[in-house]
């Protein structure tokens, strides 16, 4: 090892330290995606929620291939069993495996939420974008319709639609999709109203850019962040609403598994077998919290 002292510069700092600072300063700046990823990883609730939701998706896709019991098979000789090595979460009033039914209900819940959010997003976002960008009589009529819908709770609107379509999971998701489309409509309309007057949008119009190109290249990118947030919040709401509608008999119909159906059944045996309430109840709570914090 050399005994020569570190060379000092006019600033009083060692040359090696200045070289390190210069190397750090010359690094390329972080992109938007890299900044988002860094901020996301530093937010512990979001990371935990994302991990939970990833596990939920894996369970929904492959869970029924891993559990040893069929969620619909009845065994009246093993009713109301507590947790055991054979039935980790016990059995229900018909001897069906609670774990198998939780897994099946998870797949139903995620598919239902995806359908409901997809309808809300596909219906509300394009209409809101066009309404805000073009304005005029179309915008005024659309806003009156939206205001009439949001004057009532979304769940009440969904129940009214189900009264017309009839109770089923698909009809429930159609109803929830229509009821929640107003949130996406208002979000997209607000951004379109703001961006359409921007200088770069005027420049694109003057240059002869087509309306579709302006909407896709200049207006839509400005709403990506808020749209993502609204989508995750709507996922949480639809997931909870699906369980609620199934609980009152307007969603998933027995004997199919649903968190809401399982809660409704467990309510009848709450005093004798209170454990039946916990698995579906905790799944609803944790899933809604995860979507709200991701």
C-alpha atoms as a PDB file:
ATOM      1  CA  UNK A   1       0.000   0.000   0.000  1.00  0.00           C
ATOM      2  CA  UNK A   2       1.344   3.455  -0.921  1.00  0.00           C
ATOM      3  CA  UNK A   3       2.223   5.837   1.922  1.00  0.00           C
ATOM      4  CA  UNK A   4       1.673   8.933  -0.225  1.00  0.00           C
ATOM      5  CA  UNK A   5      -0.990  11.308   1.190  1.00  0.00           C
ATOM      6  CA  UNK A   6      -4.230  11.925  -0.689  1.00  0.00           C
ATOM      7  CA  UNK A   7      -3.919  14.789  -3.144  1.00  0.00           C
ATOM      8  CA  UNK A   8      -6.010  17.779  -2.090  1.00  0.00           C
ATOM      9  CA  UNK A   9      -7.538  20.243  -4.529  1.00  0.00           C
ATOM     10  CA  UNK A  10      -8.236  23.944  -4.282  1.00  0.00           C
ATOM     11  CA  UNK A  11     -11.629  23.160  -2.744  1.00  0.00           C
ATOM     12  CA  UNK A  12     -10.010  21.364   0.179  1.00  0.00           C
ATOM     13  CA  UNK A  13     -11.593  18.012  -0.798  1.00  0.00           C
ATOM     14  CA  UNK A  14      -9.598  14.950  -1.841  1.00  0.00           C
ATOM     15  CA  UNK A  15      -9.396  14.420  -5.589  1.00  0.00           C
ATOM     16  CA  UNK A  16     -10.967  10.952  -5.250  1.00  0.00           C
ATOM     17  CA  UNK A  17     -14.066  12.451  -3.622  1.00  0.00           C
ATOM     18  CA  UNK A  18     -14.430  14.999  -6.407  1.00  0.00           C
ATOM     19  CA  UNK A  19     -14.083  12.277  -9.029  1.00  0.00           C
ATOM     20  CA  UNK A  20     -16.839  10.244  -7.304  1.00  0.00           C
ATOM     21  CA  UNK A  21     -19.151  13.267  -7.164  1.00  0.00           C
ATOM     22  CA  UNK A  22     -18.469  14.008 -10.809  1.00  0.00           C
ATOM     23  CA  UNK A  23     -19.290  10.430 -11.766  1.00  0.00           C
ATOM     24  CA  UNK A  24     -22.579  10.606  -9.859  1.00  0.00           C
ATOM     25  CA  UNK A  25     -23.442  13.946 -11.400  1.00  0.00           C
ATOM     26  CA  UNK A  26     -22.795  12.683 -14.899  1.00  0.00           C
ATOM     27  CA  UNK A  27     -25.246   9.775 -14.513  1.00  0.00           C
ATOM     28  CA  UNK A  28     -28.296   9.912 -16.742  1.00  0.00           C
ATOM     29  CA  UNK A  29     -31.389  11.419 -15.048  1.00  0.00           C
ATOM     30  CA  UNK A  30     -34.120   9.052 -13.965  1.00  0.00           C
ATOM     31  CA  UNK A  31     -37.000   8.518 -16.363  1.00  0.00           C
ATOM     32  CA  UNK A  32     -40.614   8.891 -15.292  1.00  0.00           C
ATOM     33  CA  UNK A  33     -41.005   5.115 -14.977  1.00  0.00           C
ATOM     34  CA  UNK A  34     -37.857   4.837 -12.856  1.00  0.00           C
ATOM     35  CA  UNK A  35     -38.989   7.636 -10.553  1.00  0.00           C
ATOM     36  CA  UNK A  36     -42.397   5.978 -10.192  1.00  0.00           C
ATOM     37  CA  UNK A  37     -40.816   2.600  -9.406  1.00  0.00           C
ATOM     38  CA  UNK A  38     -38.454   4.128  -6.839  1.00  0.00           C
ATOM     39  CA  UNK A  39     -41.297   5.998  -5.117  1.00  0.00           C
ATOM     40  CA  UNK A  40     -43.470   2.866  -5.201  1.00  0.00           C
ATOM     41  CA  UNK A  41     -40.798   0.668  -3.623  1.00  0.00           C
ATOM     42  CA  UNK A  42     -40.281   3.217  -0.851  1.00  0.00           C
ATOM     43  CA  UNK A  43     -43.996   3.099   0.044  1.00  0.00           C
ATOM     44  CA  UNK A  44     -44.288  -0.027   2.180  1.00  0.00           C
ATOM     45  CA  UNK A  45     -48.133  -0.299   2.246  1.00  0.00           C
ATOM     46  CA  UNK A  46     -48.191  -0.181  -1.558  1.00  0.00           C
ATOM     47  CA  UNK A  47     -45.547  -2.904  -1.855  1.00  0.00           C
ATOM     48  CA  UNK A  48     -47.348  -5.151   0.642  1.00  0.00           C
ATOM     49  CA  UNK A  49     -50.677  -4.547  -1.105  1.00  0.00           C
ATOM     50  CA  UNK A  50     -49.196  -5.325  -4.517  1.00  0.00           C
ATOM     51  CA  UNK A  51     -47.710  -8.555  -3.184  1.00  0.00           C
ATOM     52  CA  UNK A  52     -51.041  -9.559  -1.657  1.00  0.00           C
ATOM     53  CA  UNK A  53     -52.896  -8.846  -4.911  1.00  0.00           C
ATOM     54  CA  UNK A  54     -50.322 -10.818  -6.904  1.00  0.00           C
ATOM     55  CA  UNK A  55     -50.865 -13.759  -4.544  1.00  0.00           C
ATOM     56  CA  UNK A  56     -54.619 -13.323  -4.949  1.00  0.00           C
ATOM     57  CA  UNK A  57     -54.290 -13.574  -8.739  1.00  0.00           C
ATOM     58  CA  UNK A  58     -52.179 -16.736  -8.431  1.00  0.00           C
ATOM     59  CA  UNK A  59     -54.776 -18.278  -6.110  1.00  0.00           C
ATOM     60  CA  UNK A  60     -57.574 -17.355  -8.517  1.00  0.00           C
ATOM     61  CA  UNK A  61     -55.758 -18.885 -11.493  1.00  0.00           C
ATOM     62  CA  UNK A  62     -54.273 -22.038  -9.992  1.00  0.00           C
ATOM     63  CA  UNK A  63     -55.815 -22.500  -6.546  1.00  0.00           C
ATOM     64  CA  UNK A  64     -58.466 -25.024  -7.530  1.00  0.00           C
ATOM     65  CA  UNK A  65     -55.746 -27.250  -9.023  1.00  0.00           C
ATOM     66  CA  UNK A  66     -53.912 -27.290  -5.690  1.00  0.00           C
ATOM     67  CA  UNK A  67     -56.655 -27.761  -3.090  1.00  0.00           C
ATOM     68  CA  UNK A  68     -57.627 -31.424  -2.607  1.00  0.00           C
ATOM     69  CA  UNK A  69     -61.386 -30.852  -2.273  1.00  0.00           C
ATOM     70  CA  UNK A  70     -64.141 -29.794  -4.642  1.00  0.00           C
ATOM     71  CA  UNK A  71     -65.916 -26.619  -3.481  1.00  0.00           C
ATOM     72  CA  UNK A  72     -69.323 -28.012  -4.483  1.00  0.00           C
ATOM     73  CA  UNK A  73     -69.100 -31.566  -3.103  1.00  0.00           C
ATOM     74  CA  UNK A  74     -71.434 -32.138  -0.128  1.00  0.00           C
ATOM     75  CA  UNK A  75     -70.519 -34.449   2.768  1.00  0.00           C
ATOM     76  CA  UNK A  76     -73.228 -34.380   5.436  1.00  0.00           C
ATOM     77  CA  UNK A  77     -71.136 -36.575   7.734  1.00  0.00           C
ATOM     78  CA  UNK A  78     -68.556 -33.789   8.179  1.00  0.00           C
ATOM     79  CA  UNK A  79     -70.601 -30.651   8.758  1.00  0.00           C
ATOM     80  CA  UNK A  80     -69.338 -27.726  10.865  1.00  0.00           C
ATOM     81  CA  UNK A  81     -65.866 -29.170  11.359  1.00  0.00           C
ATOM     82  CA  UNK A  82     -63.202 -26.857  12.707  1.00  0.00           C
ATOM     83  CA  UNK A  83     -59.772 -26.351  11.158  1.00  0.00           C
ATOM     84  CA  UNK A  84     -57.792 -29.574  10.776  1.00  0.00           C
ATOM     85  CA  UNK A  85     -54.975 -31.014   8.666  1.00  0.00           C
ATOM     86  CA  UNK A  86     -57.515 -32.309   6.153  1.00  0.00           C
ATOM     87  CA  UNK A  87     -59.661 -29.159   6.107  1.00  0.00           C
ATOM     88  CA  UNK A  88     -57.443 -26.214   6.973  1.00  0.00           C
ATOM     89  CA  UNK A  89     -60.377 -23.811   7.331  1.00  0.00           C
ATOM     90  CA  UNK A  90     -62.961 -26.361   8.407  1.00  0.00           C
ATOM     91  CA  UNK A  91     -66.238 -27.189   6.662  1.00  0.00           C
ATOM     92  CA  UNK A  92     -69.599 -25.474   6.298  1.00  0.00           C
ATOM     93  CA  UNK A  93     -73.154 -26.587   7.101  1.00  0.00           C
ATOM     94  CA  UNK A  94     -73.125 -29.014   4.162  1.00  0.00           C
ATOM     95  CA  UNK A  95     -69.685 -30.465   4.840  1.00  0.00           C
ATOM     96  CA  UNK A  96     -68.038 -28.568   1.979  1.00  0.00           C
ATOM     97  CA  UNK A  97     -64.417 -27.505   2.337  1.00  0.00           C
ATOM     98  CA  UNK A  98     -64.249 -23.846   3.375  1.00  0.00           C
ATOM     99  CA  UNK A  99     -60.745 -23.487   1.922  1.00  0.00           C
ATOM    100  CA  UNK A 100     -61.860 -24.823  -1.455  1.00  0.00           C
ATOM    101  CA  UNK A 101     -64.837 -22.473  -1.463  1.00  0.00           C
ATOM    102  CA  UNK A 102     -62.654 -19.492  -0.506  1.00  0.00           C
ATOM    103  CA  UNK A 103     -60.341 -20.286  -3.418  1.00  0.00           C
ATOM    104  CA  UNK A 104     -63.267 -20.653  -5.827  1.00  0.00           C
ATOM    105  CA  UNK A 105     -64.825 -17.442  -4.503  1.00  0.00           C
ATOM    106  CA  UNK A 106     -61.535 -15.587  -5.031  1.00  0.00           C
ATOM    107  CA  UNK A 107     -61.586 -16.459  -8.718  1.00  0.00           C
ATOM    108  CA  UNK A 108     -65.227 -15.381  -8.961  1.00  0.00           C
ATOM    109  CA  UNK A 109     -64.544 -12.089  -7.161  1.00  0.00           C
ATOM    110  CA  UNK A 110     -61.578 -11.098  -9.336  1.00  0.00           C
ATOM    111  CA  UNK A 111     -63.312 -12.022 -12.597  1.00  0.00           C
ATOM    112  CA  UNK A 112     -66.427 -10.157 -11.532  1.00  0.00           C
ATOM    113  CA  UNK A 113     -64.445  -7.070 -10.496  1.00  0.00           C
ATOM    114  CA  UNK A 114     -62.490  -7.107 -13.757  1.00  0.00           C
ATOM    115  CA  UNK A 115     -65.735  -7.300 -15.731  1.00  0.00           C
ATOM    116  CA  UNK A 116     -67.392  -4.506 -13.765  1.00  0.00           C
ATOM    117  CA  UNK A 117     -64.372  -2.193 -13.957  1.00  0.00           C
ATOM    118  CA  UNK A 118     -63.896  -3.009 -17.639  1.00  0.00           C
ATOM    119  CA  UNK A 119     -67.471  -1.979 -18.408  1.00  0.00           C
ATOM    120  CA  UNK A 120     -67.151   1.208 -16.340  1.00  0.00           C
ATOM    121  CA  UNK A 121     -63.828   2.134 -17.939  1.00  0.00           C
ATOM    122  CA  UNK A 122     -64.837   1.201 -21.478  1.00  0.00           C
ATOM    123  CA  UNK A 123     -68.117   3.095 -21.236  1.00  0.00           C
ATOM    124  CA  UNK A 124     -67.198   6.147 -19.179  1.00  0.00           C
ATOM    125  CA  UNK A 125     -63.668   7.008 -20.326  1.00  0.00           C
ATOM    126  CA  UNK A 126     -64.241   7.347 -24.110  1.00  0.00           C
ATOM    127  CA  UNK A 127     -67.533   9.202 -23.663  1.00  0.00           C
ATOM    128  CA  UNK A 128     -65.979  11.579 -21.138  1.00  0.00           C
ATOM    129  CA  UNK A 129     -62.984  12.216 -23.397  1.00  0.00           C
ATOM    130  CA  UNK A 130     -65.172  13.037 -26.404  1.00  0.00           C
ATOM    131  CA  UNK A 131     -67.613  15.086 -24.344  1.00  0.00           C
ATOM    132  CA  UNK A 132     -64.900  17.250 -22.818  1.00  0.00           C
ATOM    133  CA  UNK A 133     -62.949  17.733 -26.028  1.00  0.00           C
ATOM    134  CA  UNK A 134     -65.833  18.650 -28.342  1.00  0.00           C
ATOM    135  CA  UNK A 135     -68.176  20.302 -25.813  1.00  0.00           C
ATOM    136  CA  UNK A 136     -71.380  21.849 -27.156  1.00  0.00           C
ATOM    137  CA  UNK A 137     -74.862  20.393 -26.921  1.00  0.00           C
ATOM    138  CA  UNK A 138     -73.540  16.827 -26.640  1.00  0.00           C
ATOM    139  CA  UNK A 139     -71.555  17.766 -23.532  1.00  0.00           C
ATOM    140  CA  UNK A 140     -74.552  19.467 -21.922  1.00  0.00           C
ATOM    141  CA  UNK A 141     -76.858  16.489 -22.507  1.00  0.00           C
ATOM    142  CA  UNK A 142     -74.247  13.986 -21.308  1.00  0.00           C
ATOM    143  CA  UNK A 143     -73.613  15.962 -18.125  1.00  0.00           C
ATOM    144  CA  UNK A 144     -77.331  16.120 -17.296  1.00  0.00           C
ATOM    145  CA  UNK A 145     -77.517  12.324 -17.598  1.00  0.00           C
ATOM    146  CA  UNK A 146     -74.407  11.857 -15.465  1.00  0.00           C
ATOM    147  CA  UNK A 147     -75.711  14.235 -12.795  1.00  0.00           C
ATOM    148  CA  UNK A 148     -78.979  12.304 -12.655  1.00  0.00           C
ATOM    149  CA  UNK A 149     -77.080   9.039 -12.115  1.00  0.00           C
ATOM    150  CA  UNK A 150     -74.671  10.334  -9.469  1.00  0.00           C
ATOM    151  CA  UNK A 151     -77.550  11.873  -7.528  1.00  0.00           C
ATOM    152  CA  UNK A 152     -78.216   8.317  -6.311  1.00  0.00           C
ATOM    153  CA  UNK A 153     -75.754   5.905  -4.647  1.00  0.00           C
ATOM    154  CA  UNK A 154     -74.080   3.620  -7.187  1.00  0.00           C
ATOM    155  CA  UNK A 155     -75.235   0.500  -5.351  1.00  0.00           C
ATOM    156  CA  UNK A 156     -78.845   1.693  -5.439  1.00  0.00           C
ATOM    157  CA  UNK A 157     -78.553   2.315  -9.188  1.00  0.00           C
ATOM    158  CA  UNK A 158     -77.139  -1.200  -9.597  1.00  0.00           C
ATOM    159  CA  UNK A 159     -80.031  -2.721  -7.624  1.00  0.00           C
ATOM    160  CA  UNK A 160     -82.522  -0.840  -9.805  1.00  0.00           C
ATOM    161  CA  UNK A 161     -80.850  -2.175 -12.956  1.00  0.00           C
ATOM    162  CA  UNK A 162     -80.828  -5.700 -11.501  1.00  0.00           C
ATOM    163  CA  UNK A 163     -84.554  -5.409 -10.865  1.00  0.00           C
ATOM    164  CA  UNK A 164     -84.913  -5.075 -14.641  1.00  0.00           C
ATOM    165  CA  UNK A 165     -82.262  -7.580 -15.779  1.00  0.00           C
ATOM    166  CA  UNK A 166     -82.761 -10.180 -13.050  1.00  0.00           C
ATOM    167  CA  UNK A 167     -80.307 -11.483 -10.408  1.00  0.00           C
ATOM    168  CA  UNK A 168     -77.084 -13.062 -11.687  1.00  0.00           C
ATOM    169  CA  UNK A 169     -73.366 -12.349 -11.457  1.00  0.00           C
ATOM    170  CA  UNK A 170     -73.103 -11.100 -15.047  1.00  0.00           C
ATOM    171  CA  UNK A 171     -76.101  -8.804 -14.670  1.00  0.00           C
ATOM    172  CA  UNK A 172     -74.722  -7.529 -11.364  1.00  0.00           C
ATOM    173  CA  UNK A 173     -71.412  -6.589 -13.008  1.00  0.00           C
ATOM    174  CA  UNK A 174     -73.202  -4.909 -15.917  1.00  0.00           C
ATOM    175  CA  UNK A 175     -75.219  -2.898 -13.416  1.00  0.00           C
ATOM    176  CA  UNK A 176     -72.147  -1.954 -11.359  1.00  0.00           C
ATOM    177  CA  UNK A 177     -70.235  -1.084 -14.529  1.00  0.00           C
ATOM    178  CA  UNK A 178     -72.952   1.307 -15.673  1.00  0.00           C
ATOM    179  CA  UNK A 179     -73.284   2.827 -12.199  1.00  0.00           C
ATOM    180  CA  UNK A 180     -69.521   3.440 -11.881  1.00  0.00           C
ATOM    181  CA  UNK A 181     -68.970   4.680 -15.439  1.00  0.00           C
ATOM    182  CA  UNK A 182     -69.840   8.196 -14.253  1.00  0.00           C
ATOM    183  CA  UNK A 183     -66.585   8.443 -12.250  1.00  0.00           C
ATOM    184  CA  UNK A 184     -64.491   7.732 -15.345  1.00  0.00           C
ATOM    185  CA  UNK A 185     -66.671  10.053 -17.440  1.00  0.00           C
ATOM    186  CA  UNK A 186     -66.139  13.013 -15.111  1.00  0.00           C
ATOM    187  CA  UNK A 187     -62.414  12.342 -14.777  1.00  0.00           C
ATOM    188  CA  UNK A 188     -61.800  12.163 -18.529  1.00  0.00           C
ATOM    189  CA  UNK A 189     -64.067  15.111 -19.257  1.00  0.00           C
ATOM    190  CA  UNK A 190     -62.247  17.314 -16.756  1.00  0.00           C
ATOM    191  CA  UNK A 191     -58.838  16.564 -18.243  1.00  0.00           C
ATOM    192  CA  UNK A 192     -60.102  17.007 -21.807  1.00  0.00           C
ATOM    193  CA  UNK A 193     -61.616  20.411 -20.942  1.00  0.00           C
ATOM    194  CA  UNK A 194     -58.287  21.538 -19.509  1.00  0.00           C
ATOM    195  CA  UNK A 195     -55.974  20.152 -22.175  1.00  0.00           C
ATOM    196  CA  UNK A 196     -57.981  21.132 -25.262  1.00  0.00           C
ATOM    197  CA  UNK A 197     -57.058  24.808 -24.681  1.00  0.00           C
ATOM    198  CA  UNK A 198     -53.342  24.094 -24.252  1.00  0.00           C
ATOM    199  CA  UNK A 199     -50.851  25.662 -26.667  1.00  0.00           C
ATOM    200  CA  UNK A 200     -49.471  22.341 -27.880  1.00  0.00           C
ATOM    201  CA  UNK A 201     -52.987  21.112 -28.715  1.00  0.00           C
ATOM    202  CA  UNK A 202     -53.663  24.305 -30.695  1.00  0.00           C
ATOM    203  CA  UNK A 203     -50.355  23.794 -32.489  1.00  0.00           C
ATOM    204  CA  UNK A 204     -51.346  20.237 -33.367  1.00  0.00           C
ATOM    205  CA  UNK A 205     -54.668  21.463 -34.776  1.00  0.00           C
ATOM    206  CA  UNK A 206     -52.945  24.153 -36.862  1.00  0.00           C
ATOM    207  CA  UNK A 207     -50.476  21.605 -38.213  1.00  0.00           C
ATOM    208  CA  UNK A 208     -53.413  19.584 -39.531  1.00  0.00           C
ATOM    209  CA  UNK A 209     -53.270  16.668 -37.085  1.00  0.00           C
ATOM    210  CA  UNK A 210     -56.364  14.488 -37.072  1.00  0.00           C
ATOM    211  CA  UNK A 211     -58.677  14.620 -34.053  1.00  0.00           C
ATOM    212  CA  UNK A 212     -57.965  10.995 -33.181  1.00  0.00           C
ATOM    213  CA  UNK A 213     -54.220  11.686 -33.192  1.00  0.00           C
ATOM    214  CA  UNK A 214     -54.644  14.737 -30.943  1.00  0.00           C
ATOM    215  CA  UNK A 215     -56.751  12.765 -28.475  1.00  0.00           C
ATOM    216  CA  UNK A 216     -54.369   9.811 -28.367  1.00  0.00           C
ATOM    217  CA  UNK A 217     -51.048  11.691 -28.440  1.00  0.00           C
ATOM    218  CA  UNK A 218     -51.776  14.861 -26.477  1.00  0.00           C
ATOM    219  CA  UNK A 219     -54.905  14.462 -24.352  1.00  0.00           C
ATOM    220  CA  UNK A 220     -54.873  10.818 -23.232  1.00  0.00           C
ATOM    221  CA  UNK A 221     -51.295  10.776 -21.811  1.00  0.00           C
ATOM    222  CA  UNK A 222     -52.259  13.560 -19.397  1.00  0.00           C
ATOM    223  CA  UNK A 223     -54.858  11.371 -17.706  1.00  0.00           C
ATOM    224  CA  UNK A 224     -52.879   8.121 -17.372  1.00  0.00           C
ATOM    225  CA  UNK A 225     -51.973   8.679 -13.705  1.00  0.00           C
ATOM    226  CA  UNK A 226     -55.417   9.765 -12.458  1.00  0.00           C
ATOM    227  CA  UNK A 227     -57.028   7.051 -14.588  1.00  0.00           C
ATOM    228  CA  UNK A 228     -54.868   4.368 -12.960  1.00  0.00           C
ATOM    229  CA  UNK A 229     -55.784   5.600  -9.484  1.00  0.00           C
ATOM    230  CA  UNK A 230     -59.487   5.703 -10.341  1.00  0.00           C
ATOM    231  CA  UNK A 231     -59.286   2.173 -11.752  1.00  0.00           C
ATOM    232  CA  UNK A 232     -57.789   0.697  -8.565  1.00  0.00           C
ATOM    233  CA  UNK A 233     -60.334   2.522  -6.393  1.00  0.00           C
ATOM    234  CA  UNK A 234     -63.168   1.256  -8.591  1.00  0.00           C
ATOM    235  CA  UNK A 235     -61.774  -2.284  -8.333  1.00  0.00           C
ATOM    236  CA  UNK A 236     -62.053  -2.033  -4.543  1.00  0.00           C
ATOM    237  CA  UNK A 237     -65.595  -0.692  -4.721  1.00  0.00           C
ATOM    238  CA  UNK A 238     -66.826  -3.269  -7.249  1.00  0.00           C
ATOM    239  CA  UNK A 239     -65.232  -6.089  -5.245  1.00  0.00           C
ATOM    240  CA  UNK A 240     -67.088  -4.953  -2.133  1.00  0.00           C
ATOM    241  CA  UNK A 241     -70.328  -4.312  -4.034  1.00  0.00           C
ATOM    242  CA  UNK A 242     -70.223  -7.774  -5.632  1.00  0.00           C
ATOM    243  CA  UNK A 243     -69.951  -9.340  -2.188  1.00  0.00           C
ATOM    244  CA  UNK A 244     -72.829  -7.178  -0.975  1.00  0.00           C
ATOM    245  CA  UNK A 245     -75.087  -8.025  -3.904  1.00  0.00           C
ATOM    246  CA  UNK A 246     -74.303 -11.732  -3.546  1.00  0.00           C
ATOM    247  CA  UNK A 247     -75.005 -11.454   0.186  1.00  0.00           C
ATOM    248  CA  UNK A 248     -78.570 -10.246  -0.467  1.00  0.00           C
ATOM    249  CA  UNK A 249     -79.120 -12.737  -3.292  1.00  0.00           C
ATOM    250  CA  UNK A 250     -78.708 -10.452  -6.320  1.00  0.00           C
ATOM    251  CA  UNK A 251     -75.249 -11.603  -7.423  1.00  0.00           C
ATOM    252  CA  UNK A 252     -73.747 -15.083  -7.371  1.00  0.00           C
ATOM    253  CA  UNK A 253     -76.424 -17.702  -6.829  1.00  0.00           C
ATOM    254  CA  UNK A 254     -75.906 -20.758  -4.551  1.00  0.00           C
ATOM    255  CA  UNK A 255     -74.414 -23.320  -4.662  1.00  0.00           C
ATOM    256  CA  UNK A 256     -71.664 -21.370  -6.477  1.00  0.00           C
ATOM    257  CA  UNK A 257     -69.022 -19.964  -4.155  1.00  0.00           C
ATOM    258  CA  UNK A 258     -68.810 -16.257  -3.396  1.00  0.00           C
ATOM    259  CA  UNK A 259     -67.514 -14.344  -0.400  1.00  0.00           C
ATOM    260  CA  UNK A 260     -70.912 -12.688  -0.068  1.00  0.00           C
ATOM    261  CA  UNK A 261     -72.792 -15.992  -0.328  1.00  0.00           C
ATOM    262  CA  UNK A 262     -70.494 -17.547   2.286  1.00  0.00           C
ATOM    263  CA  UNK A 263     -71.106 -14.625   4.643  1.00  0.00           C
ATOM    264  CA  UNK A 264     -74.848 -14.896   4.139  1.00  0.00           C
ATOM    265  CA  UNK A 265     -74.755 -18.599   4.974  1.00  0.00           C
ATOM    266  CA  UNK A 266     -72.472 -18.116   7.977  1.00  0.00           C
ATOM    267  CA  UNK A 267     -74.827 -15.506   9.411  1.00  0.00           C
ATOM    268  CA  UNK A 268     -77.424 -18.206  10.041  1.00  0.00           C
ATOM    269  CA  UNK A 269     -74.987 -20.103  12.290  1.00  0.00           C
ATOM    270  CA  UNK A 270     -73.159 -17.150  13.828  1.00  0.00           C
ATOM    271  CA  UNK A 271     -73.843 -18.031  17.474  1.00  0.00           C
ATOM    272  CA  UNK A 272     -73.175 -21.772  17.189  1.00  0.00           C
ATOM    273  CA  UNK A 273     -70.231 -21.641  14.737  1.00  0.00           C
ATOM    274  CA  UNK A 274     -68.766 -18.116  14.648  1.00  0.00           C
ATOM    275  CA  UNK A 275     -65.585 -19.259  12.878  1.00  0.00           C
ATOM    276  CA  UNK A 276     -67.523 -19.627   9.600  1.00  0.00           C
ATOM    277  CA  UNK A 277     -67.702 -15.837   9.296  1.00  0.00           C
ATOM    278  CA  UNK A 278     -63.976 -15.165   9.530  1.00  0.00           C
ATOM    279  CA  UNK A 279     -62.526 -16.590   6.271  1.00  0.00           C
ATOM    280  CA  UNK A 280     -64.847 -14.781   3.804  1.00  0.00           C
ATOM    281  CA  UNK A 281     -64.988 -11.664   5.973  1.00  0.00           C
ATOM    282  CA  UNK A 282     -61.213 -11.315   6.182  1.00  0.00           C
ATOM    283  CA  UNK A 283     -60.825 -11.952   2.448  1.00  0.00           C
ATOM    284  CA  UNK A 284     -63.185  -9.069   1.697  1.00  0.00           C
ATOM    285  CA  UNK A 285     -61.457  -6.716   4.154  1.00  0.00           C
ATOM    286  CA  UNK A 286     -57.891  -7.494   3.063  1.00  0.00           C
ATOM    287  CA  UNK A 287     -58.711  -7.389  -0.656  1.00  0.00           C
ATOM    288  CA  UNK A 288     -60.493  -4.040  -0.478  1.00  0.00           C
ATOM    289  CA  UNK A 289     -57.687  -2.548   1.623  1.00  0.00           C
ATOM    290  CA  UNK A 290     -55.072  -3.849  -0.814  1.00  0.00           C
ATOM    291  CA  UNK A 291     -56.761  -2.257  -3.827  1.00  0.00           C
ATOM    292  CA  UNK A 292     -57.091   1.015  -1.910  1.00  0.00           C
ATOM    293  CA  UNK A 293     -53.398   1.114  -0.973  1.00  0.00           C
ATOM    294  CA  UNK A 294     -51.700  -0.231  -4.093  1.00  0.00           C
END
